[in-house]
Amino acid sequence: MKFKPLNLVLAGIIGIGLAACGSTDKKTSTQTASARSAGGSSAGMSQPPMTVDFYIVKPTLINEKIEVSGSLLANETTEIHPEISGRLVQLNIAEGKFVNKGALLAKIYDGDLQAQLRKLQVQLEIANTNEERSSQLLKIQGISKADYDASLLNVNNIKADIEITRVSITKTEIRAPFNGRLGLKNISPGAFITPLTVITTIAEVNKLKLQFSVPEKYGSQIRNGLSIEWF
């Protein structure tokens, strides 16, 4: 009778242990069953096949044409101005006429320059005579070398003045700078003109150039030698 309480305690401990194991096994079995049920349901679902588009890429030559609008312009065009001021005494401008390079278009009065040129030419003759005499005197030591150099310098100065006058006379002649067609004349004979006066215009129409703009994205493709068709 003394050992009865001990047996009851042991029996209670064993009972509690068996209950705990049973609860754990039941929980594990439940989780396993749920997982199997979910797996079976997923495996049982059918998915449609995927549609895939694909392209076969092959190298090929692409000729891309750029169509732009443009304008035909004369190869050269300019306004005709005189180089010096003066009164216009001659005008040879036929509007719309084709002229060659160097053709005389207009003439400014140059009477004063011509008179100055004749005066300088006379002075040059006298200076040449004096220089020859000085040269003869120098040979016999009749004058010093400095005196002869002064006479020679006078000759050279007069020659330079003559050349300047001739250049000024040339500037009174207004000539065509290149072959081309004349435009409208803006003045009449007898008018006083200055370097700011536009006498007429001239355009080189036997050669034309095409002016057009290309979009910026094609800028890297533009180079010398590209063929251009215009219509």
C-alpha atoms as a PDB file:
ATOM      1  CA  MET A   1       0.000   0.000   0.000  1.00  0.00           C
ATOM      2  CA  LYS A   2       2.958   2.309   0.448  1.00  0.00           C
ATOM      3  CA  PHE A   3       4.015   2.100  -3.257  1.00  0.00           C
ATOM      4  CA  LYS A   4       0.620   2.891  -4.755  1.00  0.00           C
ATOM      5  CA  PRO A   5       1.105   6.659  -5.002  1.00  0.00           C
ATOM      6  CA  LEU A   6       4.412   6.144  -6.892  1.00  0.00           C
ATOM      7  CA  ASN A   7       2.720   3.973  -9.464  1.00  0.00           C
ATOM      8  CA  LEU A   8       0.091   6.578 -10.008  1.00  0.00           C
ATOM      9  CA  VAL A   9       2.713   9.277 -10.584  1.00  0.00           C
ATOM     10  CA  LEU A  10       4.597   7.171 -13.112  1.00  0.00           C
ATOM     11  CA  ALA A  11       1.425   6.317 -14.902  1.00  0.00           C
ATOM     12  CA  GLY A  12       0.553   9.989 -15.078  1.00  0.00           C
ATOM     13  CA  ILE A  13       3.939  10.919 -16.548  1.00  0.00           C
ATOM     14  CA  ILE A  14       3.757   8.176 -19.158  1.00  0.00           C
ATOM     15  CA  GLY A  15       0.254   9.273 -20.102  1.00  0.00           C
ATOM     16  CA  ILE A  16       1.270  12.879 -20.594  1.00  0.00           C
ATOM     17  CA  GLY A  17       4.254  11.816 -22.783  1.00  0.00           C
ATOM     18  CA  LEU A  18       2.078   9.662 -24.980  1.00  0.00           C
ATOM     19  CA  ALA A  19      -0.440  12.456 -25.379  1.00  0.00           C
ATOM     20  CA  ALA A  20       2.294  14.905 -26.440  1.00  0.00           C
ATOM     21  CA  CYS A  21       3.729  12.494 -29.018  1.00  0.00           C
ATOM     22  CA  GLY A  22       0.293  11.828 -30.359  1.00  0.00           C
ATOM     23  CA  SER A  23      -0.363  15.547 -30.786  1.00  0.00           C
ATOM     24  CA  THR A  24       2.960  16.056 -32.592  1.00  0.00           C
ATOM     25  CA  ASP A  25       2.399  13.144 -34.921  1.00  0.00           C
ATOM     26  CA  LYS A  26      -1.075  14.359 -35.704  1.00  0.00           C
ATOM     27  CA  LYS A  27       0.171  17.868 -36.516  1.00  0.00           C
ATOM     28  CA  THR A  28       2.946  16.521 -38.772  1.00  0.00           C
ATOM     29  CA  SER A  29       0.534  14.245 -40.546  1.00  0.00           C
ATOM     30  CA  THR A  30      -1.862  17.116 -41.095  1.00  0.00           C
ATOM     31  CA  GLN A  31       0.890  19.354 -42.598  1.00  0.00           C
ATOM     32  CA  THR A  32       2.085  16.513 -44.862  1.00  0.00           C
ATOM     33  CA  ALA A  33      -1.421  15.877 -46.075  1.00  0.00           C
ATOM     34  CA  SER A  34      -1.984  19.551 -46.795  1.00  0.00           C
ATOM     35  CA  ALA A  35       1.275  19.789 -48.763  1.00  0.00           C
ATOM     36  CA  ARG A  36       0.389  16.724 -50.794  1.00  0.00           C
ATOM     37  CA  SER A  37      -3.061  18.087 -51.444  1.00  0.00           C
ATOM     38  CA  ALA A  38      -1.605  21.429 -52.694  1.00  0.00           C
ATOM     39  CA  GLY A  39       1.005  19.696 -54.832  1.00  0.00           C
ATOM     40  CA  GLY A  40      -1.555  17.458 -56.385  1.00  0.00           C
ATOM     41  CA  SER A  41      -3.830  20.375 -57.183  1.00  0.00           C
ATOM     42  CA  SER A  42      -0.918  22.375 -58.840  1.00  0.00           C
ATOM     43  CA  ALA A  43       0.176  19.382 -60.864  1.00  0.00           C
ATOM     44  CA  GLY A  44      -3.321  18.818 -62.003  1.00  0.00           C
ATOM     45  CA  MET A  45      -3.649  22.391 -63.579  1.00  0.00           C
ATOM     46  CA  SER A  46      -2.904  22.577 -67.342  1.00  0.00           C
ATOM     47  CA  GLN A  47      -1.136  25.713 -68.798  1.00  0.00           C
ATOM     48  CA  PRO A  48      -1.469  26.743 -72.493  1.00  0.00           C
ATOM     49  CA  PRO A  49       1.723  26.761 -74.650  1.00  0.00           C
ATOM     50  CA  MET A  50       3.577  30.118 -75.023  1.00  0.00           C
ATOM     51  CA  THR A  51       3.564  31.934 -78.366  1.00  0.00           C
ATOM     52  CA  VAL A  52       7.058  33.091 -79.475  1.00  0.00           C
ATOM     53  CA  ASP A  53       7.767  35.385 -82.451  1.00  0.00           C
ATOM     54  CA  PHE A  54      11.228  35.295 -83.993  1.00  0.00           C
ATOM     55  CA  TYR A  55      12.933  36.917 -87.005  1.00  0.00           C
ATOM     56  CA  ILE A  56      15.875  35.787 -89.101  1.00  0.00           C
ATOM     57  CA  VAL A  57      18.259  38.720 -89.550  1.00  0.00           C
ATOM     58  CA  LYS A  58      20.276  38.830 -92.745  1.00  0.00           C
ATOM     59  CA  PRO A  59      22.705  41.588 -93.875  1.00  0.00           C
ATOM     60  CA  THR A  60      21.315  43.535 -96.812  1.00  0.00           C
ATOM     61  CA  LEU A  61      22.246  46.740 -98.689  1.00  0.00           C
ATOM     62  CA  ILE A  62      19.873  49.651 -98.083  1.00  0.00           C
ATOM     63  CA  ASN A  63      19.859  52.589-100.503  1.00  0.00           C
ATOM     64  CA  GLU A  64      18.258  55.496 -98.692  1.00  0.00           C
ATOM     65  CA  LYS A  65      17.410  58.523-100.822  1.00  0.00           C
ATOM     66  CA  ILE A  66      17.025  61.967 -99.334  1.00  0.00           C
ATOM     67  CA  GLU A  67      14.619  64.265-101.132  1.00  0.00           C
ATOM     68  CA  VAL A  68      15.019  67.968-100.344  1.00  0.00           C
ATOM     69  CA  SER A  69      14.152  71.189-102.127  1.00  0.00           C
ATOM     70  CA  GLY A  70      16.877  73.547-103.345  1.00  0.00           C
ATOM     71  CA  SER A  71      17.628  76.573-105.503  1.00  0.00           C
ATOM     72  CA  LEU A  72      19.843  77.065-108.549  1.00  0.00           C
ATOM     73  CA  LEU A  73      22.196  80.003-108.108  1.00  0.00           C
ATOM     74  CA  ALA A  74      24.799  81.659-110.291  1.00  0.00           C
ATOM     75  CA  ASN A  75      28.294  80.384-109.605  1.00  0.00           C
ATOM     76  CA  GLU A  76      29.493  83.934-108.926  1.00  0.00           C
ATOM     77  CA  THR A  77      27.539  87.139-108.459  1.00  0.00           C
ATOM     78  CA  THR A  78      28.645  90.585-107.292  1.00  0.00           C
ATOM     79  CA  GLU A  79      27.848  94.278-107.311  1.00  0.00           C
ATOM     80  CA  ILE A  80      29.945  96.614-109.457  1.00  0.00           C
ATOM     81  CA  HIS A  81      31.370  99.590-107.499  1.00  0.00           C
ATOM     82  CA  PRO A  82      33.922 102.217-108.590  1.00  0.00           C
ATOM     83  CA  GLU A  83      37.212 102.380-106.696  1.00  0.00           C
ATOM     84  CA  ILE A  84      37.408 106.196-106.700  1.00  0.00           C
ATOM     85  CA  SER A  85      34.967 109.089-106.740  1.00  0.00           C
ATOM     86  CA  GLY A  86      34.303 111.139-109.846  1.00  0.00           C
ATOM     87  CA  ARG A  87      31.943 112.157-112.604  1.00  0.00           C
ATOM     88  CA  LEU A  88      30.746 109.387-114.898  1.00  0.00           C
ATOM     89  CA  VAL A  89      31.546 110.227-118.515  1.00  0.00           C
ATOM     90  CA  GLN A  90      30.926 106.857-120.170  1.00  0.00           C
ATOM     91  CA  LEU A  91      28.512 103.998-119.454  1.00  0.00           C
ATOM     92  CA  ASN A  92      28.603 100.763-121.468  1.00  0.00           C
ATOM     93  CA  ILE A  93      26.005  98.695-119.670  1.00  0.00           C
ATOM     94  CA  ALA A  94      23.439  96.801-121.741  1.00  0.00           C
ATOM     95  CA  GLU A  95      21.066  95.268-119.241  1.00  0.00           C
ATOM     96  CA  GLY A  96      20.931  91.496-119.533  1.00  0.00           C
ATOM     97  CA  LYS A  97      23.889  91.384-121.925  1.00  0.00           C
ATOM     98  CA  PHE A  98      26.647  88.801-121.528  1.00  0.00           C
ATOM     99  CA  VAL A  99      30.125  90.362-121.236  1.00  0.00           C
ATOM    100  CA  ASN A 100      33.617  88.937-120.990  1.00  0.00           C
ATOM    101  CA  LYS A 101      36.069  89.488-118.191  1.00  0.00           C
ATOM    102  CA  GLY A 102      37.836  92.850-118.524  1.00  0.00           C
ATOM    103  CA  ALA A 103      35.143  94.495-120.664  1.00  0.00           C
ATOM    104  CA  LEU A 104      34.895  98.254-120.028  1.00  0.00           C
ATOM    105  CA  LEU A 105      31.583  98.976-118.277  1.00  0.00           C
ATOM    106  CA  ALA A 106      32.007 102.598-117.199  1.00  0.00           C
ATOM    107  CA  LYS A 107      34.532 105.436-117.272  1.00  0.00           C
ATOM    108  CA  ILE A 108      35.112 108.227-114.738  1.00  0.00           C
ATOM    109  CA  TYR A 109      36.524 111.599-115.765  1.00  0.00           C
ATOM    110  CA  ASP A 110      40.323 111.490-115.645  1.00  0.00           C
ATOM    111  CA  GLY A 111      41.326 114.768-117.337  1.00  0.00           C
ATOM    112  CA  ASP A 112      43.125 116.051-114.239  1.00  0.00           C
ATOM    113  CA  LEU A 113      45.038 112.812-113.843  1.00  0.00           C
ATOM    114  CA  GLN A 114      46.081 112.814-117.488  1.00  0.00           C
ATOM    115  CA  ALA A 115      47.394 116.383-117.104  1.00  0.00           C
ATOM    116  CA  GLN A 116      49.325 115.389-114.008  1.00  0.00           C
ATOM    117  CA  LEU A 117      50.792 112.426-115.873  1.00  0.00           C
ATOM    118  CA  ARG A 118      52.015 114.620-118.735  1.00  0.00           C
ATOM    119  CA  LYS A 119      53.585 117.034-116.251  1.00  0.00           C
ATOM    120  CA  LEU A 120      55.440 114.221-114.520  1.00  0.00           C
ATOM    121  CA  GLN A 121      56.666 112.842-117.828  1.00  0.00           C
ATOM    122  CA  VAL A 122      58.221 116.225-118.696  1.00  0.00           C
ATOM    123  CA  GLN A 123      59.829 116.382-115.263  1.00  0.00           C
ATOM    124  CA  LEU A 124      61.223 112.905-115.811  1.00  0.00           C
ATOM    125  CA  GLU A 125      62.860 113.922-119.077  1.00  0.00           C
ATOM    126  CA  ILE A 126      64.581 116.842-117.348  1.00  0.00           C
ATOM    127  CA  ALA A 127      65.592 114.688-114.399  1.00  0.00           C
ATOM    128  CA  ASN A 128      67.084 112.054-116.737  1.00  0.00           C
ATOM    129  CA  THR A 129      69.129 114.749-118.492  1.00  0.00           C
ATOM    130  CA  ASN A 130      70.446 116.071-115.179  1.00  0.00           C
ATOM    131  CA  GLU A 131      71.292 112.575-114.025  1.00  0.00           C
ATOM    132  CA  GLU A 132      73.325 111.918-117.200  1.00  0.00           C
ATOM    133  CA  ARG A 133      75.270 115.169-116.736  1.00  0.00           C
ATOM    134  CA  SER A 134      75.934 114.340-113.113  1.00  0.00           C
ATOM    135  CA  SER A 135      77.182 110.929-114.141  1.00  0.00           C
ATOM    136  CA  GLN A 136      79.694 112.491-116.583  1.00  0.00           C
ATOM    137  CA  LEU A 137      80.869 114.990-113.969  1.00  0.00           C
ATOM    138  CA  LEU A 138      81.291 112.246-111.422  1.00  0.00           C
ATOM    139  CA  LYS A 139      83.635 110.377-113.765  1.00  0.00           C
ATOM    140  CA  ILE A 140      85.991 113.386-113.914  1.00  0.00           C
ATOM    141  CA  GLN A 141      85.382 114.123-110.231  1.00  0.00           C
ATOM    142  CA  GLY A 142      83.566 117.325-111.125  1.00  0.00           C
ATOM    143  CA  ILE A 143      80.926 116.648-108.440  1.00  0.00           C
ATOM    144  CA  SER A 144      80.760 114.530-105.338  1.00  0.00           C
ATOM    145  CA  LYS A 145      79.125 111.150-105.141  1.00  0.00           C
ATOM    146  CA  ALA A 146      76.420 112.649-102.903  1.00  0.00           C
ATOM    147  CA  ASP A 147      75.432 115.168-105.596  1.00  0.00           C
ATOM    148  CA  TYR A 148      75.088 112.409-108.163  1.00  0.00           C
ATOM    149  CA  ASP A 149      73.003 110.292-105.765  1.00  0.00           C
ATOM    150  CA  ALA A 150      70.646 113.248-105.263  1.00  0.00           C
ATOM    151  CA  SER A 151      70.042 113.575-109.011  1.00  0.00           C
ATOM    152  CA  LEU A 152      69.453 109.830-109.330  1.00  0.00           C
ATOM    153  CA  LEU A 153      67.015 109.901-106.409  1.00  0.00           C
ATOM    154  CA  ASN A 154      65.033 112.664-108.116  1.00  0.00           C
ATOM    155  CA  VAL A 155      64.678 110.481-111.211  1.00  0.00           C
ATOM    156  CA  ASN A 156      63.426 107.532-109.201  1.00  0.00           C
ATOM    157  CA  ASN A 157      60.922 109.683-107.279  1.00  0.00           C
ATOM    158  CA  ILE A 158      59.417 111.038-110.477  1.00  0.00           C
ATOM    159  CA  LYS A 159      59.116 107.513-111.891  1.00  0.00           C
ATOM    160  CA  ALA A 160      57.264 106.439-108.748  1.00  0.00           C
ATOM    161  CA  ASP A 161      54.877 109.402-109.044  1.00  0.00           C
ATOM    162  CA  ILE A 162      54.200 108.495-112.674  1.00  0.00           C
ATOM    163  CA  GLU A 163      53.366 104.929-111.693  1.00  0.00           C
ATOM    164  CA  ILE A 164      50.973 106.130-108.966  1.00  0.00           C
ATOM    165  CA  THR A 165      49.219 108.425-111.437  1.00  0.00           C
ATOM    166  CA  ARG A 166      48.839 105.643-113.970  1.00  0.00           C
ATOM    167  CA  VAL A 167      47.292 103.407-111.319  1.00  0.00           C
ATOM    168  CA  SER A 168      44.825 106.188-110.461  1.00  0.00           C
ATOM    169  CA  ILE A 169      43.921 106.510-114.149  1.00  0.00           C
ATOM    170  CA  THR A 170      43.345 102.754-114.292  1.00  0.00           C
ATOM    171  CA  LYS A 171      40.898 103.041-111.393  1.00  0.00           C
ATOM    172  CA  THR A 172      38.747 105.423-113.439  1.00  0.00           C
ATOM    173  CA  GLU A 173      37.995 102.497-115.746  1.00  0.00           C
ATOM    174  CA  ILE A 174      35.383 100.121-114.329  1.00  0.00           C
ATOM    175  CA  ARG A 175      35.685  96.682-115.921  1.00  0.00           C
ATOM    176  CA  ALA A 176      33.899  93.337-115.609  1.00  0.00           C
ATOM    177  CA  PRO A 177      35.578  91.150-112.948  1.00  0.00           C
ATOM    178  CA  PHE A 178      34.598  87.892-114.713  1.00  0.00           C
ATOM    179  CA  ASN A 179      32.522  86.509-117.581  1.00  0.00           C
ATOM    180  CA  GLY A 180      28.872  86.993-116.786  1.00  0.00           C
ATOM    181  CA  ARG A 181      25.502  88.564-117.473  1.00  0.00           C
ATOM    182  CA  LEU A 182      24.856  92.180-116.470  1.00  0.00           C
ATOM    183  CA  GLY A 183      21.921  93.207-114.332  1.00  0.00           C
ATOM    184  CA  LEU A 184      19.985  96.473-114.199  1.00  0.00           C
ATOM    185  CA  LYS A 185      21.972  99.718-114.260  1.00  0.00           C
ATOM    186  CA  ASN A 186      21.411 102.012-111.300  1.00  0.00           C
ATOM    187  CA  ILE A 187      22.992 105.225-112.655  1.00  0.00           C
ATOM    188  CA  SER A 188      23.152 107.339-115.809  1.00  0.00           C
ATOM    189  CA  PRO A 189      26.038 109.113-117.581  1.00  0.00           C
ATOM    190  CA  GLY A 190      27.020 112.398-115.941  1.00  0.00           C
ATOM    191  CA  ALA A 191      26.257 111.218-112.385  1.00  0.00           C
ATOM    192  CA  PHE A 192      28.813 111.763-109.646  1.00  0.00           C
ATOM    193  CA  ILE A 193      29.651 108.413-108.123  1.00  0.00           C
ATOM    194  CA  THR A 194      31.606 107.227-105.100  1.00  0.00           C
ATOM    195  CA  PRO A 195      32.925 103.826-103.990  1.00  0.00           C
ATOM    196  CA  LEU A 196      29.555 103.295-102.253  1.00  0.00           C
ATOM    197  CA  THR A 197      27.623 103.642-105.528  1.00  0.00           C
ATOM    198  CA  VAL A 198      26.272 100.426-107.052  1.00  0.00           C
ATOM    199  CA  ILE A 199      26.603 100.764-110.820  1.00  0.00           C
ATOM    200  CA  THR A 200      25.129  97.371-111.715  1.00  0.00           C
ATOM    201  CA  THR A 201      25.414  93.682-110.898  1.00  0.00           C
ATOM    202  CA  ILE A 202      27.007  90.811-112.771  1.00  0.00           C
ATOM    203  CA  ALA A 203      26.308  87.071-112.474  1.00  0.00           C
ATOM    204  CA  GLU A 204      28.249  84.113-113.830  1.00  0.00           C
ATOM    205  CA  VAL A 205      25.328  82.175-115.313  1.00  0.00           C
ATOM    206  CA  ASN A 206      27.267  79.800-117.564  1.00  0.00           C
ATOM    207  CA  LYS A 207      28.069  77.910-114.349  1.00  0.00           C
ATOM    208  CA  LEU A 208      25.354  77.195-111.797  1.00  0.00           C
ATOM    209  CA  LYS A 209      25.417  75.815-108.270  1.00  0.00           C
ATOM    210  CA  LEU A 210      22.648  74.036-106.386  1.00  0.00           C
ATOM    211  CA  GLN A 211      21.948  75.209-102.861  1.00  0.00           C
ATOM    212  CA  PHE A 212      19.952  72.980-100.509  1.00  0.00           C
ATOM    213  CA  SER A 213      19.779  71.957 -96.858  1.00  0.00           C
ATOM    214  CA  VAL A 214      20.170  68.396 -95.530  1.00  0.00           C
ATOM    215  CA  PRO A 215      18.598  67.267 -92.217  1.00  0.00           C
ATOM    216  CA  GLU A 216      21.100  67.158 -89.370  1.00  0.00           C
ATOM    217  CA  LYS A 217      20.790  63.394 -88.871  1.00  0.00           C
ATOM    218  CA  TYR A 218      22.294  62.833 -92.342  1.00  0.00           C
ATOM    219  CA  GLY A 219      25.180  65.231 -91.737  1.00  0.00           C
ATOM    220  CA  SER A 220      27.709  62.483 -91.006  1.00  0.00           C
ATOM    221  CA  GLN A 221      26.891  60.791 -94.326  1.00  0.00           C
ATOM    222  CA  ILE A 222      27.591  63.828 -96.515  1.00  0.00           C
ATOM    223  CA  ARG A 223      30.997  63.745 -98.205  1.00  0.00           C
ATOM    224  CA  ASN A 224      32.668  64.752-101.446  1.00  0.00           C
ATOM    225  CA  GLY A 225      31.799  62.588-104.426  1.00  0.00           C
ATOM    226  CA  LEU A 226      28.195  61.755-103.530  1.00  0.00           C
ATOM    227  CA  SER A 227      25.900  61.679-106.560  1.00  0.00           C
ATOM    228  CA  ILE A 228      22.983  64.120-106.647  1.00  0.00           C
ATOM    229  CA  GLU A 229      19.979  63.976-108.936  1.00  0.00           C
ATOM    230  CA  TRP A 230      17.881  67.078-109.400  1.00  0.00           C
ATOM    231  CA  PHE A 231      14.569  67.454-111.192  1.00  0.00           C
END
